[in-house]
Amino acid sequence: MDKLNSLSNVGTANLLKQKSQVETPSAGGEAFANQLKSALNEVNELQEVKEEAVADLATGQVKDLHQAAIAIGKAEISMKLMLEIRNKALNAYKEIGRTQL
C-alpha cells in the first residue's frame, strides 16, 4: 500500500511536467512515444498496486479498506482507458490504410 500513497499525485505531476515542456515540431514523434511509454508505465504501476491490495485483502493484512478499494478502482479505470486509447489508435491506423493517395 506504500505505492498507493506515492502514486496519488502522479497524474497531476505528469500534467504539470507536460505543460512546462516546449516541443519542437521535429521532436513531436519522439515526444509522443515518450508520453505513451510513460502512460503505459503508470498503468503498470497501478496494476501492481492493485495486485498488492488484493493480496492484502485476501490475507487479511489490509490496513485501510477504503484505500485498497480506491487502488483497485484506479487500476480498473486506467486499464479501461488504456484499452480505449488502443482501440482508437487501431481504428485510426485502419482508416489511414484505407485512404487512397
N, C-alpha and C. Protein backbone atom coordinates (compact mmCIF):
# COMPACT_ATOMS: atom_id res chain seq x y z
N MET A 1 0.81 -1.19 0.00
CA MET A 1 0.00 0.00 0.00
C MET A 1 0.86 1.26 0.00
N ASP A 2 2.18 1.13 0.20
CA ASP A 2 3.06 2.29 0.16
C ASP A 2 3.07 2.92 -1.22
N LYS A 3 2.99 2.08 -2.27
CA LYS A 3 2.99 2.60 -3.63
C LYS A 3 1.74 3.44 -3.87
N LEU A 4 0.65 3.10 -3.24
CA LEU A 4 -0.59 3.83 -3.43
C LEU A 4 -0.42 5.28 -3.02
N ASN A 5 0.21 5.53 -1.89
CA ASN A 5 0.41 6.89 -1.43
C ASN A 5 1.35 7.66 -2.36
N SER A 6 2.38 6.99 -2.88
CA SER A 6 3.32 7.68 -3.75
C SER A 6 2.74 7.94 -5.13
N LEU A 7 1.72 7.17 -5.54
CA LEU A 7 1.11 7.34 -6.86
C LEU A 7 -0.11 8.25 -6.83
N SER A 8 -0.48 8.75 -5.68
CA SER A 8 -1.73 9.51 -5.59
C SER A 8 -1.70 10.79 -6.42
N ASN A 9 -0.53 11.40 -6.58
CA ASN A 9 -0.45 12.64 -7.35
C ASN A 9 0.32 12.48 -8.64
N VAL A 10 0.45 11.25 -9.14
CA VAL A 10 1.21 11.00 -10.36
C VAL A 10 0.58 11.72 -11.54
N GLY A 11 -0.73 11.63 -11.68
CA GLY A 11 -1.40 12.27 -12.82
C GLY A 11 -1.21 13.76 -12.82
N THR A 12 -1.33 14.41 -11.65
CA THR A 12 -1.15 15.85 -11.56
C THR A 12 0.28 16.24 -11.87
N ALA A 13 1.23 15.48 -11.36
CA ALA A 13 2.64 15.79 -11.61
C ALA A 13 2.97 15.64 -13.09
N ASN A 14 2.41 14.63 -13.75
CA ASN A 14 2.66 14.44 -15.18
C ASN A 14 2.09 15.59 -15.99
N LEU A 15 0.90 16.07 -15.63
CA LEU A 15 0.31 17.19 -16.35
C LEU A 15 1.14 18.45 -16.21
N LEU A 16 1.63 18.72 -15.01
CA LEU A 16 2.46 19.89 -14.80
C LEU A 16 3.76 19.79 -15.57
N LYS A 17 4.36 18.60 -15.61
CA LYS A 17 5.60 18.40 -16.34
C LYS A 17 5.37 18.59 -17.83
N GLN A 18 4.24 18.10 -18.33
CA GLN A 18 3.93 18.22 -19.76
C GLN A 18 3.75 19.68 -20.15
N LYS A 19 3.09 20.45 -19.32
CA LYS A 19 2.85 21.85 -19.63
C LYS A 19 4.14 22.65 -19.63
N SER A 20 5.12 22.26 -18.82
CA SER A 20 6.36 23.01 -18.73
C SER A 20 7.31 22.70 -19.87
N GLN A 21 7.11 21.61 -20.59
CA GLN A 21 7.98 21.24 -21.69
C GLN A 21 7.51 21.90 -22.97
N VAL A 22 8.47 22.46 -23.72
CA VAL A 22 8.15 23.04 -25.01
C VAL A 22 8.68 22.10 -26.07
N GLU A 23 7.81 21.70 -26.99
CA GLU A 23 8.18 20.73 -28.01
C GLU A 23 8.47 21.44 -29.32
N THR A 24 9.44 20.93 -30.05
CA THR A 24 9.68 21.39 -31.41
C THR A 24 8.96 20.45 -32.35
N PRO A 25 8.59 20.92 -33.53
CA PRO A 25 7.86 20.05 -34.45
C PRO A 25 8.62 18.77 -34.81
N SER A 26 9.94 18.82 -34.90
CA SER A 26 10.70 17.64 -35.28
C SER A 26 10.75 16.60 -34.16
N ALA A 27 10.53 17.02 -32.94
CA ALA A 27 10.57 16.09 -31.81
C ALA A 27 9.19 15.58 -31.45
N GLY A 28 8.18 15.89 -32.26
CA GLY A 28 6.80 15.51 -31.95
C GLY A 28 6.60 14.02 -31.84
N GLY A 29 7.17 13.25 -32.79
CA GLY A 29 7.02 11.80 -32.76
C GLY A 29 7.70 11.18 -31.57
N GLU A 30 8.88 11.68 -31.26
CA GLU A 30 9.62 11.15 -30.11
C GLU A 30 8.91 11.51 -28.81
N ALA A 31 8.37 12.72 -28.74
CA ALA A 31 7.65 13.13 -27.54
C ALA A 31 6.40 12.27 -27.34
N PHE A 32 5.71 11.96 -28.44
CA PHE A 32 4.52 11.13 -28.36
C PHE A 32 4.89 9.73 -27.85
N ALA A 33 5.98 9.19 -28.39
CA ALA A 33 6.43 7.86 -27.95
C ALA A 33 6.78 7.87 -26.47
N ASN A 34 7.42 8.93 -26.01
CA ASN A 34 7.78 9.04 -24.59
C ASN A 34 6.53 9.15 -23.72
N GLN A 35 5.54 9.92 -24.18
CA GLN A 35 4.29 10.06 -23.43
C GLN A 35 3.57 8.73 -23.35
N LEU A 36 3.54 8.00 -24.46
CA LEU A 36 2.88 6.71 -24.48
C LEU A 36 3.57 5.72 -23.55
N LYS A 37 4.88 5.72 -23.59
CA LYS A 37 5.65 4.82 -22.72
C LYS A 37 5.43 5.18 -21.25
N SER A 38 5.40 6.46 -20.95
CA SER A 38 5.17 6.89 -19.57
C SER A 38 3.77 6.51 -19.10
N ALA A 39 2.77 6.63 -19.97
CA ALA A 39 1.40 6.26 -19.61
C ALA A 39 1.30 4.76 -19.36
N LEU A 40 1.96 3.96 -20.20
CA LEU A 40 1.94 2.51 -20.01
C LEU A 40 2.63 2.12 -18.70
N ASN A 41 3.72 2.80 -18.38
CA ASN A 41 4.40 2.52 -17.11
C ASN A 41 3.52 2.87 -15.92
N GLU A 42 2.78 3.96 -16.05
CA GLU A 42 1.88 4.37 -14.96
C GLU A 42 0.76 3.34 -14.77
N VAL A 43 0.19 2.85 -15.88
CA VAL A 43 -0.85 1.82 -15.79
C VAL A 43 -0.28 0.56 -15.15
N ASN A 44 0.93 0.20 -15.53
CA ASN A 44 1.57 -0.98 -14.95
C ASN A 44 1.77 -0.82 -13.45
N GLU A 45 2.21 0.35 -13.01
CA GLU A 45 2.39 0.60 -11.58
C GLU A 45 1.07 0.51 -10.83
N LEU A 46 0.01 1.06 -11.43
CA LEU A 46 -1.31 0.98 -10.79
C LEU A 46 -1.78 -0.47 -10.69
N GLN A 47 -1.48 -1.28 -11.71
CA GLN A 47 -1.85 -2.69 -11.67
C GLN A 47 -1.08 -3.41 -10.56
N GLU A 48 0.19 -3.07 -10.38
CA GLU A 48 0.98 -3.69 -9.31
C GLU A 48 0.43 -3.32 -7.94
N VAL A 49 0.03 -2.06 -7.78
CA VAL A 49 -0.56 -1.61 -6.51
C VAL A 49 -1.86 -2.36 -6.26
N LYS A 50 -2.65 -2.54 -7.32
CA LYS A 50 -3.92 -3.26 -7.20
C LYS A 50 -3.68 -4.71 -6.76
N GLU A 51 -2.70 -5.36 -7.38
CA GLU A 51 -2.40 -6.74 -7.02
C GLU A 51 -1.95 -6.85 -5.57
N GLU A 52 -1.18 -5.88 -5.12
CA GLU A 52 -0.74 -5.86 -3.71
C GLU A 52 -1.93 -5.67 -2.79
N ALA A 53 -2.85 -4.77 -3.18
CA ALA A 53 -4.04 -4.51 -2.35
C ALA A 53 -4.94 -5.74 -2.29
N VAL A 54 -5.11 -6.43 -3.43
CA VAL A 54 -5.94 -7.63 -3.45
C VAL A 54 -5.30 -8.72 -2.59
N ALA A 55 -3.98 -8.85 -2.67
CA ALA A 55 -3.30 -9.85 -1.85
C ALA A 55 -3.45 -9.53 -0.37
N ASP A 56 -3.36 -8.24 -0.02
CA ASP A 56 -3.55 -7.84 1.38
C ASP A 56 -4.98 -8.14 1.84
N LEU A 57 -5.94 -7.91 0.96
CA LEU A 57 -7.33 -8.22 1.31
C LEU A 57 -7.52 -9.72 1.52
N ALA A 58 -6.91 -10.51 0.66
CA ALA A 58 -7.07 -11.96 0.75
C ALA A 58 -6.45 -12.54 2.01
N THR A 59 -5.34 -11.95 2.43
CA THR A 59 -4.64 -12.47 3.61
C THR A 59 -5.09 -11.79 4.90
N GLY A 60 -5.93 -10.77 4.78
CA GLY A 60 -6.41 -10.08 5.98
C GLY A 60 -5.42 -9.09 6.54
N GLN A 61 -4.43 -8.71 5.76
CA GLN A 61 -3.41 -7.77 6.23
C GLN A 61 -3.69 -6.33 5.81
N VAL A 62 -4.86 -6.08 5.26
CA VAL A 62 -5.19 -4.74 4.80
C VAL A 62 -5.33 -3.81 5.99
N LYS A 63 -4.73 -2.63 5.88
CA LYS A 63 -4.77 -1.65 6.97
C LYS A 63 -5.95 -0.70 6.80
N ASP A 64 -6.24 -0.34 5.56
CA ASP A 64 -7.33 0.59 5.28
C ASP A 64 -8.12 0.06 4.08
N LEU A 65 -9.29 -0.40 4.34
CA LEU A 65 -10.13 -0.99 3.30
C LEU A 65 -10.47 0.01 2.20
N HIS A 66 -10.68 1.26 2.58
CA HIS A 66 -11.04 2.29 1.60
C HIS A 66 -9.89 2.54 0.62
N GLN A 67 -8.67 2.60 1.14
CA GLN A 67 -7.52 2.81 0.26
C GLN A 67 -7.33 1.63 -0.69
N ALA A 68 -7.59 0.45 -0.23
CA ALA A 68 -7.48 -0.73 -1.09
C ALA A 68 -8.54 -0.67 -2.18
N ALA A 69 -9.75 -0.29 -1.83
CA ALA A 69 -10.82 -0.18 -2.83
C ALA A 69 -10.50 0.91 -3.85
N ILE A 70 -9.93 2.00 -3.40
CA ILE A 70 -9.55 3.09 -4.31
C ILE A 70 -8.45 2.61 -5.25
N ALA A 71 -7.47 1.88 -4.74
CA ALA A 71 -6.38 1.37 -5.58
C ALA A 71 -6.92 0.43 -6.65
N ILE A 72 -7.84 -0.42 -6.28
CA ILE A 72 -8.44 -1.36 -7.24
C ILE A 72 -9.24 -0.59 -8.29
N GLY A 73 -10.00 0.40 -7.87
CA GLY A 73 -10.78 1.22 -8.81
C GLY A 73 -9.90 1.99 -9.78
N LYS A 74 -8.82 2.59 -9.28
CA LYS A 74 -7.90 3.32 -10.15
C LYS A 74 -7.28 2.41 -11.19
N ALA A 75 -6.90 1.22 -10.77
CA ALA A 75 -6.27 0.28 -11.70
C ALA A 75 -7.26 -0.14 -12.78
N GLU A 76 -8.50 -0.40 -12.40
CA GLU A 76 -9.50 -0.81 -13.38
C GLU A 76 -9.80 0.30 -14.38
N ILE A 77 -9.95 1.51 -13.89
CA ILE A 77 -10.25 2.64 -14.77
C ILE A 77 -9.08 2.92 -15.70
N SER A 78 -7.86 2.87 -15.18
CA SER A 78 -6.70 3.14 -16.03
C SER A 78 -6.55 2.07 -17.11
N MET A 79 -6.87 0.82 -16.78
CA MET A 79 -6.79 -0.25 -17.78
C MET A 79 -7.85 -0.05 -18.86
N LYS A 80 -9.08 0.32 -18.45
CA LYS A 80 -10.13 0.57 -19.43
C LYS A 80 -9.77 1.73 -20.35
N LEU A 81 -9.19 2.78 -19.78
CA LEU A 81 -8.78 3.93 -20.58
C LEU A 81 -7.69 3.53 -21.57
N MET A 82 -6.71 2.75 -21.11
CA MET A 82 -5.64 2.32 -21.99
C MET A 82 -6.20 1.48 -23.15
N LEU A 83 -7.14 0.60 -22.86
CA LEU A 83 -7.74 -0.22 -23.91
C LEU A 83 -8.53 0.62 -24.91
N GLU A 84 -9.22 1.64 -24.44
CA GLU A 84 -9.96 2.53 -25.34
C GLU A 84 -9.01 3.31 -26.23
N ILE A 85 -7.90 3.78 -25.67
CA ILE A 85 -6.91 4.50 -26.46
C ILE A 85 -6.32 3.58 -27.51
N ARG A 86 -6.04 2.34 -27.13
CA ARG A 86 -5.52 1.37 -28.10
C ARG A 86 -6.52 1.15 -29.22
N ASN A 87 -7.78 0.98 -28.88
CA ASN A 87 -8.82 0.77 -29.89
C ASN A 87 -8.93 1.96 -30.84
N LYS A 88 -8.89 3.16 -30.30
CA LYS A 88 -8.96 4.36 -31.14
C LYS A 88 -7.75 4.46 -32.06
N ALA A 89 -6.56 4.13 -31.54
CA ALA A 89 -5.35 4.17 -32.36
C ALA A 89 -5.42 3.15 -33.48
N LEU A 90 -5.90 1.95 -33.19
CA LEU A 90 -6.05 0.93 -34.23
C LEU A 90 -7.06 1.34 -35.29
N ASN A 91 -8.16 1.92 -34.85
CA ASN A 91 -9.15 2.40 -35.82
C ASN A 91 -8.58 3.50 -36.71
N ALA A 92 -7.81 4.40 -36.12
CA ALA A 92 -7.18 5.47 -36.90
C ALA A 92 -6.18 4.89 -37.90
N TYR A 93 -5.42 3.90 -37.48
CA TYR A 93 -4.44 3.25 -38.36
C TYR A 93 -5.15 2.57 -39.53
N LYS A 94 -6.25 1.88 -39.24
CA LYS A 94 -7.01 1.23 -40.30
C LYS A 94 -7.61 2.25 -41.27
N GLU A 95 -8.08 3.36 -40.74
CA GLU A 95 -8.65 4.41 -41.59
C GLU A 95 -7.58 5.01 -42.50
N ILE A 96 -6.40 5.22 -41.97
CA ILE A 96 -5.30 5.74 -42.79
C ILE A 96 -4.95 4.73 -43.88
N GLY A 97 -4.99 3.45 -43.55
CA GLY A 97 -4.70 2.40 -44.53
C GLY A 97 -5.72 2.37 -45.65
N ARG A 98 -6.95 2.74 -45.37
CA ARG A 98 -8.00 2.77 -46.39
C ARG A 98 -7.96 4.01 -47.25
N THR A 99 -7.20 5.02 -46.83
CA THR A 99 -7.15 6.27 -47.56
C THR A 99 -6.42 6.08 -48.89
N GLN A 100 -7.00 6.56 -49.96
CA GLN A 100 -6.37 6.47 -51.28
C GLN A 100 -5.52 7.69 -51.53
N LEU A 101 -4.38 7.45 -52.11
CA LEU A 101 -3.49 8.57 -52.41
C LEU A 101 -3.70 9.10 -53.79
